């Protein structure tokens, strides 16, 4: 049988090598897309964190105007903490407001950490994950 005849008799399709190359390329593209999506999600959470901190600062400004002092509390803002319940009770934020860290609401190292022992001032600490428009990654603090 000549080479021309063997090509004629060969069934159409892909070789194993061709299939492996295509599967490898698809896997590479999928892993690149997953990595890019992870970065986008971290940036989205950071923008939400910055927005939450601004809302908390505004709520605390309204709270001090009504109550004459800040809530005395030290710990994470979890939605069920003293700060959250006080600012809802005074009506400065709605009861459905979710002003907690989107990923680490109770992790003492990464949550929105509120510290006001005296009630005359406070410190809010929060952590950003990525280099986003909200700031550099790492710990940040805000005061009135």
Protein backbone atom coordinates (compact mmCIF):
# COMPACT_ATOMS: atom_id res chain seq x y z
CA UNK A 1 0.00 0.00 0.00
CA UNK A 2 1.40 3.36 -1.01
CA UNK A 3 1.42 6.42 1.32
CA UNK A 4 -1.28 8.04 -0.82
CA UNK A 5 -3.58 5.07 -0.32
CA UNK A 6 -2.99 4.94 3.47
CA UNK A 7 -3.98 8.60 3.75
CA UNK A 8 -7.12 7.87 1.80
CA UNK A 9 -8.05 5.04 4.14
CA UNK A 10 -7.26 7.00 7.36
CA UNK A 11 -10.29 8.10 9.34
CA UNK A 12 -10.71 11.86 9.78
CA UNK A 13 -10.09 13.21 13.29
CA UNK A 14 -7.48 14.62 15.64
CA UNK A 15 -4.38 12.90 16.87
CA UNK A 16 -3.75 12.44 20.57
CA UNK A 17 -0.96 15.03 20.46
CA UNK A 18 -3.26 17.64 18.90
CA UNK A 19 -5.91 17.02 21.55
CA UNK A 20 -3.36 17.29 24.37
CA UNK A 21 -2.07 20.59 22.99
CA UNK A 22 -5.59 22.04 22.75
CA UNK A 23 -6.47 20.87 26.29
CA UNK A 24 -3.21 22.42 27.59
CA UNK A 25 -3.98 25.77 25.94
CA UNK A 26 -7.52 25.77 27.34
CA UNK A 27 -6.18 24.98 30.81
CA UNK A 28 -3.66 27.83 30.60
CA UNK A 29 -6.35 30.29 29.51
CA UNK A 30 -8.71 29.12 32.26
CA UNK A 31 -6.07 29.51 34.99
CA UNK A 32 -5.18 33.00 33.72
CA UNK A 33 -8.85 34.01 33.76
CA UNK A 34 -9.33 32.60 37.28
CA UNK A 35 -6.32 34.58 38.56
CA UNK A 36 -7.61 37.78 36.97
CA UNK A 37 -11.05 37.20 38.48
CA UNK A 38 -9.53 36.73 41.93
CA UNK A 39 -7.82 40.13 41.66
CA UNK A 40 -11.05 41.78 40.49
CA UNK A 41 -12.96 40.33 43.45
CA UNK A 42 -10.32 41.54 45.93
CA UNK A 43 -10.47 45.05 44.46
CA UNK A 44 -14.28 45.00 44.64
CA UNK A 45 -14.13 44.03 48.33
CA UNK A 46 -11.60 46.84 48.98
CA UNK A 47 -13.88 49.43 47.38
CA UNK A 48 -16.72 48.14 49.55
CA UNK A 49 -14.49 48.38 52.63
CA UNK A 50 -13.61 52.01 51.88
CA UNK A 51 -17.30 52.81 51.38
CA UNK A 52 -18.26 51.07 54.63
CA UNK A 53 -15.62 52.97 56.60
CA UNK A 54 -16.87 56.28 55.19
CA UNK A 55 -20.44 55.36 56.12
CA UNK A 56 -19.34 54.34 59.63
CA UNK A 57 -17.54 57.66 60.06
CA UNK A 58 -20.63 59.59 58.95
CA UNK A 59 -22.84 57.51 61.24
CA UNK A 60 -20.50 58.11 64.18
CA UNK A 61 -20.51 61.86 63.44
CA UNK A 62 -24.31 61.86 63.57
CA UNK A 63 -24.22 59.69 66.69
CA UNK A 64 -21.95 62.05 68.64
CA UNK A 65 -24.18 64.99 67.69
CA UNK A 66 -27.16 63.18 69.25
CA UNK A 67 -25.55 61.36 72.15
CA UNK A 68 -22.72 63.72 73.10
CA UNK A 69 -20.06 60.99 72.87
CA UNK A 70 -19.02 57.97 70.87
CA UNK A 71 -20.01 54.44 71.92
CA UNK A 72 -17.46 52.99 74.32
CA UNK A 73 -16.49 49.67 72.81
CA UNK A 74 -13.37 47.83 71.72
CA UNK A 75 -13.60 45.01 69.19
CA UNK A 76 -14.80 43.97 65.76
CA UNK A 77 -17.81 45.59 64.17
CA UNK A 78 -19.89 42.50 63.40
CA UNK A 79 -23.37 43.93 63.04
CA UNK A 80 -24.34 42.62 66.47
CA UNK A 81 -21.74 44.60 68.45
CA UNK A 82 -22.39 47.62 70.68
CA UNK A 83 -21.43 50.20 68.03
CA UNK A 84 -23.76 48.69 65.41
CA UNK A 85 -26.69 48.41 67.81
CA UNK A 86 -26.16 51.96 69.14
CA UNK A 87 -26.02 53.66 65.73
CA UNK A 88 -29.13 51.72 64.64
CA UNK A 89 -30.92 52.59 67.90
CA UNK A 90 -30.20 56.31 67.38
CA UNK A 91 -31.54 56.01 63.83
CA UNK A 92 -28.35 57.16 62.12
CA UNK A 93 -28.25 53.98 59.97
CA UNK A 94 -31.00 51.58 59.01
CA UNK A 95 -31.33 48.22 60.72
CA UNK A 96 -30.52 46.44 57.44
CA UNK A 97 -27.20 48.21 56.90
CA UNK A 98 -24.30 45.77 56.47
CA UNK A 99 -21.34 47.81 57.64
CA UNK A 100 -19.08 44.82 58.28
CA UNK A 101 -15.98 43.53 56.50
CA UNK A 102 -17.12 41.54 53.43
CA UNK A 103 -14.63 38.71 53.96
CA UNK A 104 -13.43 38.82 57.59
CA UNK A 105 -16.30 40.11 59.78
CA UNK A 106 -15.02 38.49 62.99
CA UNK A 107 -11.27 37.96 62.40
CA UNK A 108 -9.70 40.23 65.04
CA UNK A 109 -6.68 40.87 62.77
CA UNK A 110 -8.68 41.90 59.67
CA UNK A 111 -12.18 42.99 60.73
CA UNK A 112 -13.32 46.59 61.09
CA UNK A 113 -11.82 47.08 64.54
CA UNK A 114 -13.35 49.88 66.62
CA UNK A 115 -11.61 51.26 69.70
CA UNK A 116 -13.07 53.94 71.94
CA UNK A 117 -12.40 53.50 75.63
CA UNK A 118 -13.28 57.06 76.66
CA UNK A 119 -16.11 57.90 74.24
CA UNK A 120 -14.42 61.19 73.34
CA UNK A 121 -12.65 59.79 70.25
CA UNK A 122 -12.38 56.54 68.35
CA UNK A 123 -10.06 54.63 66.06
CA UNK A 124 -11.30 52.41 63.24
CA UNK A 125 -8.86 49.91 61.75
CA UNK A 126 -9.47 48.01 58.53
CA UNK A 127 -7.37 45.94 56.13
CA UNK A 128 -7.21 46.19 52.34
CA UNK A 129 -6.33 43.12 50.29
CA UNK A 130 -5.03 44.55 47.03
CA UNK A 131 -3.59 47.65 45.42
CA UNK A 132 -6.91 49.17 44.44
CA UNK A 133 -8.35 52.65 44.09
CA UNK A 134 -9.26 52.44 47.78
CA UNK A 135 -5.61 52.56 48.89
CA UNK A 136 -2.54 50.44 49.38
CA UNK A 137 -2.86 46.86 50.69
CA UNK A 138 -2.44 46.38 54.43
CA UNK A 139 -3.76 47.90 57.64
CA UNK A 140 -5.30 51.38 57.71
CA UNK A 141 -6.69 53.46 60.55
CA UNK A 142 -9.10 56.37 60.64
CA UNK A 143 -10.05 58.72 63.45
CA UNK A 144 -12.62 61.51 63.69
